């Protein structure tokens, strides 16, 4: 029983204070509504996706996530790529409950998030972040942040974000 309680406390520590609520996903390579529908259909297969609204004029998918279900940003990128397209940008909204950054870093669902620009000591409420890792930006925009790839310090996958 003690081990179970310890695992529950430690396992929940990463997700207790932060929750992805929505994301604005811009996809490049979409040429028609069929392309958009194929991408949306692929994204809807993810168990943490609650709803998707599509803006065909900007090639943007506004994804609402299910509450208290861990979100995998890598899975979003993979679904877009498997549909034959590319993520041009991914801006996510995270609801923080006064989480304090330690060296501009926080953990969520076993992964580490490093703030490379715009970090604060305490965050609360909804905060918009932009992922700046390969697979989440256009190739031109990624060049600005490409030196971050070797940064592996942290738990699980290390993501780099701009606030």
Foldseek 3Di string as FASTA:
>chain_A
DVVVVVCVCVQCPQAVFKDWFKKKWAWPDDDDVVLVVQLVVLVVVDPQWDDWDADVVRNIIITGGDPPDFDDPVSSLVSNVVSPIATAWMKIKMAGQFDADDQQWGGHSFEIEHEPEDGDGTDHGIDIKIWQDPRHHDPVSNVVVVVCVVPPPDTDHYTYIYD
